[in-house]
Amino acid sequence: MAADVPHPSFEGYAGEAVPQAAVGSPGKDGVLDLTFRRTAGGTALVEDYATVPFHVSGTLDHDPHPDVATVFVQSPTGGVAQGDRLDVDVVVGADALAHVSTQSSTKVQSMRHNYAAADTTLSVGTGGHLDYVPEPTILHADARYCADLTLELDADATAVMADVVVPGRLARGERFDFERYLSRVRAVGPDGLLFEDATHLVPGTNAPTEPGSLGEFAVYGSLFVVAPGEGANDLSDSLYATVTDRDGRAAATELPNSAGVVVRALGHRAETVRGTLRAAWDEARRVLLDAPAPSGRKY
């Protein structure tokens, strides 16, 4: 299997040449590196590097917590295309507090050749905290997309990670017309693996709309509150109470190894799922940082 193939189910796509621009050519290998450090004035973005399709315009300081530095990652392109390989690294140093999001949804374009993949590594130092809460991923018809995310936590570090998947351009009637979507999340602490989680949707074979999968709902979202040692049982109860009375369906459960809590949400529209996960994020923020989540408005 080729070294760049992220999963055996994508091996068949890997040999397909991309006629417009080959894998690895300029503009196809996007790189985003962000490093946050604690300073006398709070958290600062001390290093940043971005290539197409990523762009960074600096930090924002609108967070309700005075020490949090915020970055909204921008894209000058129309979305993720066939043959794209994206590599994201976010480092949050000891006692630093950061929030990373995207300015708009990630649109995974229709594909006839090859596939697109994103490999994200998040590292949080001792006593640090990271909110990694991007806007939804929209899977256009025939999209083939693999997203791998690894979280590395030092002692007393915490993180919140969100992921919302929209199965097409719902307003135009496009629903579960993508070809394959795989998302894998892995968290590692000082003593080793905390948990792994995977979502693999192949509409042509495993019918995401069947009972036991997404059922009547279209939009799927997850929020991982990774906080080893923070009392997962109490946090799970708190988040469960926060999300269960909202539109759609949602629940919260403890992660393995007392690593924290995961919230799952289903809805007919992205706004419904985003709202549910944001309510859970806000509650988790109050527990972990004694401050609410920032405003959802993007400029």
C-alpha atoms as a PDB file:
ATOM      1  CA  MET A   1       0.000   0.000   0.000  1.00  0.00           C
ATOM      2  CA  ALA A   2       1.350   3.430  -0.910  1.00  0.00           C
ATOM      3  CA  ALA A   3       2.780   5.347   2.030  1.00  0.00           C
ATOM      4  CA  ASP A   4       0.382   8.263   1.643  1.00  0.00           C
ATOM      5  CA  VAL A   5      -2.785   6.141   1.638  1.00  0.00           C
ATOM      6  CA  PRO A   6      -4.480   6.842   4.983  1.00  0.00           C
ATOM      7  CA  HIS A   7      -6.669   3.709   5.089  1.00  0.00           C
ATOM      8  CA  PRO A   8      -7.054   0.487   3.063  1.00  0.00           C
ATOM      9  CA  SER A   9     -10.495   1.599   1.851  1.00  0.00           C
ATOM     10  CA  PHE A  10      -8.820   4.490   0.003  1.00  0.00           C
ATOM     11  CA  GLU A  11      -6.122   2.363  -1.643  1.00  0.00           C
ATOM     12  CA  GLY A  12      -8.174   1.889  -4.822  1.00  0.00           C
ATOM     13  CA  TYR A  13      -8.429   5.641  -5.305  1.00  0.00           C
ATOM     14  CA  ALA A  14      -4.739   6.346  -4.739  1.00  0.00           C
ATOM     15  CA  GLY A  15      -3.573   5.154  -8.164  1.00  0.00           C
ATOM     16  CA  GLU A  16      -5.965   7.420 -10.055  1.00  0.00           C
ATOM     17  CA  ALA A  17      -4.106  10.334 -11.652  1.00  0.00           C
ATOM     18  CA  VAL A  18      -5.565  13.798 -11.148  1.00  0.00           C
ATOM     19  CA  PRO A  19      -5.683  15.412 -14.604  1.00  0.00           C
ATOM     20  CA  GLN A  20      -5.829  19.046 -13.448  1.00  0.00           C
ATOM     21  CA  ALA A  21      -2.925  18.989 -10.965  1.00  0.00           C
ATOM     22  CA  ALA A  22      -1.141  15.938  -9.627  1.00  0.00           C
ATOM     23  CA  VAL A  23      -0.989  14.999  -5.972  1.00  0.00           C
ATOM     24  CA  GLY A  24       1.941  16.837  -4.416  1.00  0.00           C
ATOM     25  CA  SER A  25       2.035  19.651  -6.978  1.00  0.00           C
ATOM     26  CA  PRO A  26       1.910  23.315  -5.824  1.00  0.00           C
ATOM     27  CA  GLY A  27      -1.438  24.123  -4.285  1.00  0.00           C
ATOM     28  CA  LYS A  28      -2.294  20.467  -3.592  1.00  0.00           C
ATOM     29  CA  ASP A  29      -0.283  19.944  -0.401  1.00  0.00           C
ATOM     30  CA  GLY A  30      -1.696  22.431   2.106  1.00  0.00           C
ATOM     31  CA  VAL A  31       0.295  23.032   5.297  1.00  0.00           C
ATOM     32  CA  LEU A  32      -0.840  24.878   8.411  1.00  0.00           C
ATOM     33  CA  ASP A  33       1.439  25.189  11.462  1.00  0.00           C
ATOM     34  CA  LEU A  34       0.360  27.215  14.501  1.00  0.00           C
ATOM     35  CA  THR A  35       2.244  27.529  17.801  1.00  0.00           C
ATOM     36  CA  PHE A  36       0.836  29.295  20.872  1.00  0.00           C
ATOM     37  CA  ARG A  37       2.894  30.149  23.949  1.00  0.00           C
ATOM     38  CA  ARG A  38       2.147  31.655  27.326  1.00  0.00           C
ATOM     39  CA  THR A  39       3.514  35.200  27.707  1.00  0.00           C
ATOM     40  CA  ALA A  40       3.334  37.921  30.341  1.00  0.00           C
ATOM     41  CA  GLY A  41       0.316  39.359  28.528  1.00  0.00           C
ATOM     42  CA  GLY A  42      -1.527  36.056  28.112  1.00  0.00           C
ATOM     43  CA  THR A  43      -1.356  33.593  25.248  1.00  0.00           C
ATOM     44  CA  ALA A  44       0.301  34.649  21.987  1.00  0.00           C
ATOM     45  CA  LEU A  45       0.620  33.085  18.538  1.00  0.00           C
ATOM     46  CA  VAL A  46       4.408  32.929  18.305  1.00  0.00           C
ATOM     47  CA  GLU A  47       4.780  30.943  15.066  1.00  0.00           C
ATOM     48  CA  ASP A  48       2.551  30.478  12.060  1.00  0.00           C
ATOM     49  CA  TYR A  49       3.055  29.059   8.585  1.00  0.00           C
ATOM     50  CA  ALA A  50       0.353  28.480   5.979  1.00  0.00           C
ATOM     51  CA  THR A  51       0.241  27.411   2.356  1.00  0.00           C
ATOM     52  CA  VAL A  52      -2.774  27.186   0.027  1.00  0.00           C
ATOM     53  CA  PRO A  53      -5.570  26.360   0.789  1.00  0.00           C
ATOM     54  CA  PHE A  54      -4.879  27.843   4.246  1.00  0.00           C
ATOM     55  CA  HIS A  55      -4.465  31.491   5.181  1.00  0.00           C
ATOM     56  CA  VAL A  56      -3.952  33.096   8.595  1.00  0.00           C
ATOM     57  CA  SER A  57      -4.472  36.806   9.274  1.00  0.00           C
ATOM     58  CA  GLY A  58      -3.286  36.854  12.889  1.00  0.00           C
ATOM     59  CA  THR A  59      -5.118  36.461  16.177  1.00  0.00           C
ATOM     60  CA  LEU A  60      -8.302  37.836  17.693  1.00  0.00           C
ATOM     61  CA  ASP A  61      -8.787  38.723  21.361  1.00  0.00           C
ATOM     62  CA  HIS A  62     -12.581  38.718  21.656  1.00  0.00           C
ATOM     63  CA  ASP A  63     -12.738  35.611  23.851  1.00  0.00           C
ATOM     64  CA  PRO A  64     -14.586  35.957  27.179  1.00  0.00           C
ATOM     65  CA  HIS A  65     -11.481  34.530  28.854  1.00  0.00           C
ATOM     66  CA  PRO A  66      -8.824  37.275  28.885  1.00  0.00           C
ATOM     67  CA  ASP A  67      -5.881  34.912  28.308  1.00  0.00           C
ATOM     68  CA  VAL A  68      -7.223  33.021  25.261  1.00  0.00           C
ATOM     69  CA  ALA A  69      -5.757  33.706  21.800  1.00  0.00           C
ATOM     70  CA  THR A  70      -8.082  32.978  18.855  1.00  0.00           C
ATOM     71  CA  VAL A  71      -7.236  32.117  15.247  1.00  0.00           C
ATOM     72  CA  PHE A  72      -9.835  31.792  12.485  1.00  0.00           C
ATOM     73  CA  VAL A  73      -8.239  29.900   9.608  1.00  0.00           C
ATOM     74  CA  GLN A  74      -9.285  31.243   6.202  1.00  0.00           C
ATOM     75  CA  SER A  75      -9.287  29.686   2.726  1.00  0.00           C
ATOM     76  CA  PRO A  76      -8.833  31.601  -0.551  1.00  0.00           C
ATOM     77  CA  THR A  77     -10.086  28.577  -2.526  1.00  0.00           C
ATOM     78  CA  GLY A  78     -13.502  27.118  -3.298  1.00  0.00           C
ATOM     79  CA  GLY A  79     -12.921  24.106  -1.072  1.00  0.00           C
ATOM     80  CA  VAL A  80     -11.056  20.814  -0.846  1.00  0.00           C
ATOM     81  CA  ALA A  81     -10.491  19.201  -4.267  1.00  0.00           C
ATOM     82  CA  GLN A  82      -9.520  15.745  -5.515  1.00  0.00           C
ATOM     83  CA  GLY A  83      -5.855  15.023  -4.850  1.00  0.00           C
ATOM     84  CA  ASP A  84      -5.568  17.537  -2.012  1.00  0.00           C
ATOM     85  CA  ARG A  85      -3.472  16.505   0.971  1.00  0.00           C
ATOM     86  CA  LEU A  86      -3.810  18.790   4.002  1.00  0.00           C
ATOM     87  CA  ASP A  87      -1.426  18.745   6.974  1.00  0.00           C
ATOM     88  CA  VAL A  88      -2.363  20.716  10.103  1.00  0.00           C
ATOM     89  CA  ASP A  89      -0.243  21.031  13.259  1.00  0.00           C
ATOM     90  CA  VAL A  90      -1.376  23.094  16.242  1.00  0.00           C
ATOM     91  CA  VAL A  91       0.890  23.356  19.297  1.00  0.00           C
ATOM     92  CA  VAL A  92      -0.303  24.925  22.550  1.00  0.00           C
ATOM     93  CA  GLY A  93       2.485  25.385  25.071  1.00  0.00           C
ATOM     94  CA  ALA A  94       2.396  24.935  28.836  1.00  0.00           C
ATOM     95  CA  ASP A  95      -0.331  27.029  30.519  1.00  0.00           C
ATOM     96  CA  ALA A  96      -1.316  28.588  27.185  1.00  0.00           C
ATOM     97  CA  LEU A  97      -4.992  28.875  26.167  1.00  0.00           C
ATOM     98  CA  ALA A  98      -6.010  28.869  22.502  1.00  0.00           C
ATOM     99  CA  HIS A  99      -9.072  28.646  20.276  1.00  0.00           C
ATOM    100  CA  VAL A 100      -8.704  27.583  16.637  1.00  0.00           C
ATOM    101  CA  SER A 101     -11.607  27.564  14.184  1.00  0.00           C
ATOM    102  CA  THR A 102     -12.314  28.133  10.503  1.00  0.00           C
ATOM    103  CA  GLN A 103     -13.925  31.235   9.079  1.00  0.00           C
ATOM    104  CA  SER A 104     -16.397  29.189   7.014  1.00  0.00           C
ATOM    105  CA  SER A 105     -17.447  25.610   6.306  1.00  0.00           C
ATOM    106  CA  THR A 106     -15.022  23.218   4.634  1.00  0.00           C
ATOM    107  CA  LYS A 107     -16.543  22.261   1.285  1.00  0.00           C
ATOM    108  CA  VAL A 108     -15.270  18.921  -0.008  1.00  0.00           C
ATOM    109  CA  GLN A 109     -15.828  19.162  -3.761  1.00  0.00           C
ATOM    110  CA  SER A 110     -17.116  16.470  -6.127  1.00  0.00           C
ATOM    111  CA  MET A 111     -14.433  14.029  -7.288  1.00  0.00           C
ATOM    112  CA  ARG A 112     -13.868  11.757 -10.274  1.00  0.00           C
ATOM    113  CA  HIS A 113     -10.243  10.835  -9.571  1.00  0.00           C
ATOM    114  CA  ASN A 114      -8.200  10.047  -6.463  1.00  0.00           C
ATOM    115  CA  TYR A 115      -9.387  11.408  -3.087  1.00  0.00           C
ATOM    116  CA  ALA A 116      -8.722  14.177  -0.541  1.00  0.00           C
ATOM    117  CA  ALA A 117      -7.204  13.739   2.919  1.00  0.00           C
ATOM    118  CA  ALA A 118      -6.507  15.858   5.986  1.00  0.00           C
ATOM    119  CA  ASP A 119      -4.043  14.915   8.732  1.00  0.00           C
ATOM    120  CA  THR A 120      -4.337  17.026  11.890  1.00  0.00           C
ATOM    121  CA  THR A 121      -2.124  16.879  14.987  1.00  0.00           C
ATOM    122  CA  LEU A 122      -3.022  18.891  18.098  1.00  0.00           C
ATOM    123  CA  SER A 123      -0.507  19.083  20.966  1.00  0.00           C
ATOM    124  CA  VAL A 124      -1.309  20.697  24.328  1.00  0.00           C
ATOM    125  CA  GLY A 125       1.364  21.254  26.980  1.00  0.00           C
ATOM    126  CA  THR A 126       1.092  20.949  30.751  1.00  0.00           C
ATOM    127  CA  GLY A 127      -1.765  23.037  32.120  1.00  0.00           C
ATOM    128  CA  GLY A 128      -2.746  24.261  28.646  1.00  0.00           C
ATOM    129  CA  HIS A 129      -6.110  24.197  26.903  1.00  0.00           C
ATOM    130  CA  LEU A 130      -7.172  24.126  23.253  1.00  0.00           C
ATOM    131  CA  ASP A 131     -10.597  24.613  21.693  1.00  0.00           C
ATOM    132  CA  TYR A 132     -10.478  23.171  18.164  1.00  0.00           C
ATOM    133  CA  VAL A 133     -13.955  23.933  16.848  1.00  0.00           C
ATOM    134  CA  PRO A 134     -14.027  24.308  13.042  1.00  0.00           C
ATOM    135  CA  GLU A 135     -17.137  25.073  11.034  1.00  0.00           C
ATOM    136  CA  PRO A 136     -18.970  22.088   9.452  1.00  0.00           C
ATOM    137  CA  THR A 137     -17.597  19.844   6.702  1.00  0.00           C
ATOM    138  CA  ILE A 138     -19.923  19.703   3.675  1.00  0.00           C
ATOM    139  CA  LEU A 139     -19.517  16.613   1.494  1.00  0.00           C
ATOM    140  CA  HIS A 140     -20.516  17.333  -2.109  1.00  0.00           C
ATOM    141  CA  ALA A 141     -21.739  14.611  -4.469  1.00  0.00           C
ATOM    142  CA  ASP A 142     -19.090  11.924  -5.216  1.00  0.00           C
ATOM    143  CA  ALA A 143     -16.677  13.304  -2.591  1.00  0.00           C
ATOM    144  CA  ARG A 144     -14.047  10.956  -1.170  1.00  0.00           C
ATOM    145  CA  TYR A 145     -12.571  12.343   2.023  1.00  0.00           C
ATOM    146  CA  CYS A 146     -10.428  10.955   4.836  1.00  0.00           C
ATOM    147  CA  ALA A 147      -9.754  13.032   7.962  1.00  0.00           C
ATOM    148  CA  ASP A 148      -7.324  11.885  10.658  1.00  0.00           C
ATOM    149  CA  LEU A 149      -6.963  13.818  13.920  1.00  0.00           C
ATOM    150  CA  THR A 150      -4.505  13.048  16.728  1.00  0.00           C
ATOM    151  CA  LEU A 151      -4.586  14.850  20.064  1.00  0.00           C
ATOM    152  CA  GLU A 152      -1.504  14.739  22.296  1.00  0.00           C
ATOM    153  CA  LEU A 153      -2.003  15.910  25.892  1.00  0.00           C
ATOM    154  CA  ASP A 154       0.594  16.533  28.579  1.00  0.00           C
ATOM    155  CA  ALA A 155      -0.303  16.324  32.273  1.00  0.00           C
ATOM    156  CA  ASP A 156      -3.175  18.578  33.406  1.00  0.00           C
ATOM    157  CA  ALA A 157      -3.879  19.643  29.814  1.00  0.00           C
ATOM    158  CA  THR A 158      -7.396  19.755  28.360  1.00  0.00           C
ATOM    159  CA  ALA A 159      -8.991  20.131  24.945  1.00  0.00           C
ATOM    160  CA  VAL A 160     -12.372  20.474  23.256  1.00  0.00           C
ATOM    161  CA  MET A 161     -12.707  19.222  19.675  1.00  0.00           C
ATOM    162  CA  ALA A 162     -15.801  19.477  17.477  1.00  0.00           C
ATOM    163  CA  ASP A 163     -16.767  17.975  14.149  1.00  0.00           C
ATOM    164  CA  VAL A 164     -20.021  18.502  12.216  1.00  0.00           C
ATOM    165  CA  VAL A 165     -20.640  16.582   8.966  1.00  0.00           C
ATOM    166  CA  VAL A 166     -23.231  17.737   6.426  1.00  0.00           C
ATOM    167  CA  PRO A 167     -23.953  15.045   3.771  1.00  0.00           C
ATOM    168  CA  GLY A 168     -24.290  17.372   0.793  1.00  0.00           C
ATOM    169  CA  ARG A 169     -25.743  20.720  -0.228  1.00  0.00           C
ATOM    170  CA  LEU A 170     -29.053  20.074   1.490  1.00  0.00           C
ATOM    171  CA  ALA A 171     -30.760  23.234   0.187  1.00  0.00           C
ATOM    172  CA  ARG A 172     -30.443  21.934  -3.371  1.00  0.00           C
ATOM    173  CA  GLY A 173     -31.606  18.421  -2.521  1.00  0.00           C
ATOM    174  CA  GLU A 174     -28.161  16.824  -2.403  1.00  0.00           C
ATOM    175  CA  ARG A 175     -28.224  14.260   0.395  1.00  0.00           C
ATOM    176  CA  PHE A 176     -25.840  11.332   0.965  1.00  0.00           C
ATOM    177  CA  ASP A 177     -24.554  11.508  -2.606  1.00  0.00           C
ATOM    178  CA  PHE A 178     -20.884  11.496  -1.543  1.00  0.00           C
ATOM    179  CA  GLU A 179     -18.870   8.334  -2.183  1.00  0.00           C
ATOM    180  CA  ARG A 180     -16.874   7.780   1.013  1.00  0.00           C
ATOM    181  CA  TYR A 181     -16.171   9.635   4.250  1.00  0.00           C
ATOM    182  CA  LEU A 182     -13.834   8.451   6.997  1.00  0.00           C
ATOM    183  CA  SER A 183     -13.034  10.399  10.156  1.00  0.00           C
ATOM    184  CA  ARG A 184     -10.689   9.051  12.828  1.00  0.00           C
ATOM    185  CA  VAL A 185      -9.944  10.721  16.176  1.00  0.00           C
ATOM    186  CA  ARG A 186      -7.200   9.502  18.495  1.00  0.00           C
ATOM    187  CA  ALA A 187      -6.152  10.962  21.860  1.00  0.00           C
ATOM    188  CA  VAL A 188      -2.917  10.200  23.704  1.00  0.00           C
ATOM    189  CA  GLY A 189      -1.985  11.250  27.244  1.00  0.00           C
ATOM    190  CA  PRO A 190       1.256  11.034  29.237  1.00  0.00           C
ATOM    191  CA  ASP A 191       0.582   7.352  29.987  1.00  0.00           C
ATOM    192  CA  GLY A 192      -0.427   6.329  26.479  1.00  0.00           C
ATOM    193  CA  LEU A 193      -3.616   5.922  24.474  1.00  0.00           C
ATOM    194  CA  LEU A 194      -6.763   7.470  25.942  1.00  0.00           C
ATOM    195  CA  PHE A 195      -9.273   6.590  23.224  1.00  0.00           C
ATOM    196  CA  GLU A 196      -9.865   6.139  19.511  1.00  0.00           C
ATOM    197  CA  ASP A 197     -13.048   6.929  17.587  1.00  0.00           C
ATOM    198  CA  ALA A 198     -13.997   6.409  13.945  1.00  0.00           C
ATOM    199  CA  THR A 199     -16.875   7.349  11.649  1.00  0.00           C
ATOM    200  CA  HIS A 200     -16.936   5.588   8.256  1.00  0.00           C
ATOM    201  CA  LEU A 201     -19.830   6.398   5.914  1.00  0.00           C
ATOM    202  CA  VAL A 202     -20.229   4.828   2.472  1.00  0.00           C
ATOM    203  CA  PRO A 203     -23.750   5.656   1.258  1.00  0.00           C
ATOM    204  CA  GLY A 204     -23.652   3.121  -1.561  1.00  0.00           C
ATOM    205  CA  THR A 205     -23.032   0.175   0.788  1.00  0.00           C
ATOM    206  CA  ASN A 206     -23.765   0.920   4.453  1.00  0.00           C
ATOM    207  CA  ALA A 207     -26.903   3.102   4.156  1.00  0.00           C
ATOM    208  CA  PRO A 208     -26.333   5.869   6.728  1.00  0.00           C
ATOM    209  CA  THR A 209     -30.092   6.507   6.819  1.00  0.00           C
ATOM    210  CA  GLU A 210     -30.864   3.019   8.204  1.00  0.00           C
ATOM    211  CA  PRO A 211     -32.097   2.655  11.808  1.00  0.00           C
ATOM    212  CA  GLY A 212     -29.137   2.289  14.116  1.00  0.00           C
ATOM    213  CA  SER A 213     -27.080   4.744  12.064  1.00  0.00           C
ATOM    214  CA  LEU A 214     -28.357   8.277  11.337  1.00  0.00           C
ATOM    215  CA  GLY A 215     -31.943   7.192  10.752  1.00  0.00           C
ATOM    216  CA  GLU A 216     -34.229  10.052   9.736  1.00  0.00           C
ATOM    217  CA  PHE A 217     -31.524  12.655  10.315  1.00  0.00           C
ATOM    218  CA  ALA A 218     -28.995  14.054   7.877  1.00  0.00           C
ATOM    219  CA  VAL A 219     -26.445  16.043   9.896  1.00  0.00           C
ATOM    220  CA  TYR A 220     -24.111  14.378  12.394  1.00  0.00           C
ATOM    221  CA  GLY A 221     -21.871  16.025  14.969  1.00  0.00           C
ATOM    222  CA  SER A 222     -19.451  15.103  17.752  1.00  0.00           C
ATOM    223  CA  LEU A 223     -17.888  17.134  20.538  1.00  0.00           C
ATOM    224  CA  PHE A 224     -14.988  15.608  22.455  1.00  0.00           C
ATOM    225  CA  VAL A 225     -14.259  17.181  25.825  1.00  0.00           C
ATOM    226  CA  VAL A 226     -10.908  15.635  26.707  1.00  0.00           C
ATOM    227  CA  ALA A 227     -10.088  16.351  30.337  1.00  0.00           C
ATOM    228  CA  PRO A 228      -8.417  13.445  32.168  1.00  0.00           C
ATOM    229  CA  GLY A 229      -8.743  13.807  35.922  1.00  0.00           C
ATOM    230  CA  GLU A 230     -11.570  16.356  35.752  1.00  0.00           C
ATOM    231  CA  GLY A 231     -14.311  14.044  37.015  1.00  0.00           C
ATOM    232  CA  ALA A 232     -15.757  12.496  33.865  1.00  0.00           C
ATOM    233  CA  ASN A 233     -18.914  11.255  35.572  1.00  0.00           C
ATOM    234  CA  ASP A 234     -20.000  14.696  36.818  1.00  0.00           C
ATOM    235  CA  LEU A 235     -19.018  16.310  33.523  1.00  0.00           C
ATOM    236  CA  SER A 236     -20.991  13.706  31.580  1.00  0.00           C
ATOM    237  CA  ASP A 237     -24.091  14.354  33.692  1.00  0.00           C
ATOM    238  CA  SER A 238     -23.730  18.099  33.210  1.00  0.00           C
ATOM    239  CA  LEU A 239     -23.337  17.876  29.439  1.00  0.00           C
ATOM    240  CA  TYR A 240     -26.153  15.341  29.142  1.00  0.00           C
ATOM    241  CA  ALA A 241     -28.509  17.730  30.923  1.00  0.00           C
ATOM    242  CA  THR A 242     -27.356  20.526  28.614  1.00  0.00           C
ATOM    243  CA  VAL A 243     -28.055  18.777  25.298  1.00  0.00           C
ATOM    244  CA  THR A 244     -30.943  16.372  25.769  1.00  0.00           C
ATOM    245  CA  ASP A 245     -33.791  18.925  25.645  1.00  0.00           C
ATOM    246  CA  ARG A 246     -32.701  20.543  22.385  1.00  0.00           C
ATOM    247  CA  ASP A 247     -33.986  19.982  18.826  1.00  0.00           C
ATOM    248  CA  GLY A 248     -32.899  16.803  17.061  1.00  0.00           C
ATOM    249  CA  ARG A 249     -31.257  14.064  19.111  1.00  0.00           C
ATOM    250  CA  ALA A 250     -28.248  14.330  21.384  1.00  0.00           C
ATOM    251  CA  ALA A 251     -26.608  12.545  24.286  1.00  0.00           C
ATOM    252  CA  ALA A 252     -23.376  12.544  26.254  1.00  0.00           C
ATOM    253  CA  THR A 253     -21.280   9.658  27.530  1.00  0.00           C
ATOM    254  CA  GLU A 254     -17.966   9.161  29.271  1.00  0.00           C
ATOM    255  CA  LEU A 255     -14.898   8.417  27.189  1.00  0.00           C
ATOM    256  CA  PRO A 256     -12.691   5.389  27.974  1.00  0.00           C
ATOM    257  CA  ASN A 257      -9.921   5.661  30.572  1.00  0.00           C
ATOM    258  CA  SER A 258     -11.700   8.567  32.322  1.00  0.00           C
ATOM    259  CA  ALA A 259     -10.475  10.747  29.469  1.00  0.00           C
ATOM    260  CA  GLY A 260     -13.530  13.009  29.435  1.00  0.00           C
ATOM    261  CA  VAL A 261     -16.870  13.071  27.631  1.00  0.00           C
ATOM    262  CA  VAL A 262     -18.135  12.795  24.069  1.00  0.00           C
ATOM    263  CA  VAL A 263     -21.379  14.450  22.941  1.00  0.00           C
ATOM    264  CA  ARG A 264     -23.147  13.111  19.828  1.00  0.00           C
ATOM    265  CA  ALA A 265     -25.817  15.126  18.056  1.00  0.00           C
ATOM    266  CA  LEU A 266     -28.142  14.480  15.097  1.00  0.00           C
ATOM    267  CA  GLY A 267     -30.344  16.952  13.291  1.00  0.00           C
ATOM    268  CA  HIS A 268     -32.064  17.798  10.042  1.00  0.00           C
ATOM    269  CA  ARG A 269     -30.003  20.975   9.566  1.00  0.00           C
ATOM    270  CA  ALA A 270     -26.442  22.003  10.325  1.00  0.00           C
ATOM    271  CA  GLU A 271     -27.637  24.910  12.466  1.00  0.00           C
ATOM    272  CA  THR A 272     -29.455  22.504  14.791  1.00  0.00           C
ATOM    273  CA  VAL A 273     -26.428  20.302  15.377  1.00  0.00           C
ATOM    274  CA  ARG A 274     -24.058  23.259  15.659  1.00  0.00           C
ATOM    275  CA  GLY A 275     -26.333  24.837  18.253  1.00  0.00           C
ATOM    276  CA  THR A 276     -26.425  21.671  20.338  1.00  0.00           C
ATOM    277  CA  LEU A 277     -22.655  21.220  20.265  1.00  0.00           C
ATOM    278  CA  ARG A 278     -22.102  24.873  21.033  1.00  0.00           C
ATOM    279  CA  ALA A 279     -24.287  24.582  24.136  1.00  0.00           C
ATOM    280  CA  ALA A 280     -22.174  21.609  25.240  1.00  0.00           C
ATOM    281  CA  TRP A 281     -18.961  23.511  24.461  1.00  0.00           C
ATOM    282  CA  ASP A 282     -20.196  26.468  26.508  1.00  0.00           C
ATOM    283  CA  GLU A 283     -20.933  24.237  29.491  1.00  0.00           C
ATOM    284  CA  ALA A 284     -17.569  22.473  29.205  1.00  0.00           C
ATOM    285  CA  ARG A 285     -15.792  25.830  28.975  1.00  0.00           C
ATOM    286  CA  ARG A 286     -17.440  26.994  32.211  1.00  0.00           C
ATOM    287  CA  VAL A 287     -16.283  23.825  33.964  1.00  0.00           C
ATOM    288  CA  LEU A 288     -12.728  23.784  32.585  1.00  0.00           C
ATOM    289  CA  LEU A 289     -11.896  27.490  32.238  1.00  0.00           C
ATOM    290  CA  ASP A 290     -14.555  29.200  34.347  1.00  0.00           C
ATOM    291  CA  ALA A 291     -15.559  31.205  31.261  1.00  0.00           C
ATOM    292  CA  PRO A 292     -18.262  30.768  28.580  1.00  0.00           C
ATOM    293  CA  ALA A 293     -17.629  29.887  24.967  1.00  0.00           C
ATOM    294  CA  PRO A 294     -17.033  32.881  22.687  1.00  0.00           C
ATOM    295  CA  SER A 295     -19.666  34.288  20.378  1.00  0.00           C
ATOM    296  CA  GLY A 296     -20.343  32.129  17.330  1.00  0.00           C
ATOM    297  CA  ARG A 297     -20.308  35.132  14.998  1.00  0.00           C
ATOM    298  CA  LYS A 298     -17.495  35.100  12.437  1.00  0.00           C
ATOM    299  CA  TYR A 299     -16.186  38.256  10.791  1.00  0.00           C
END
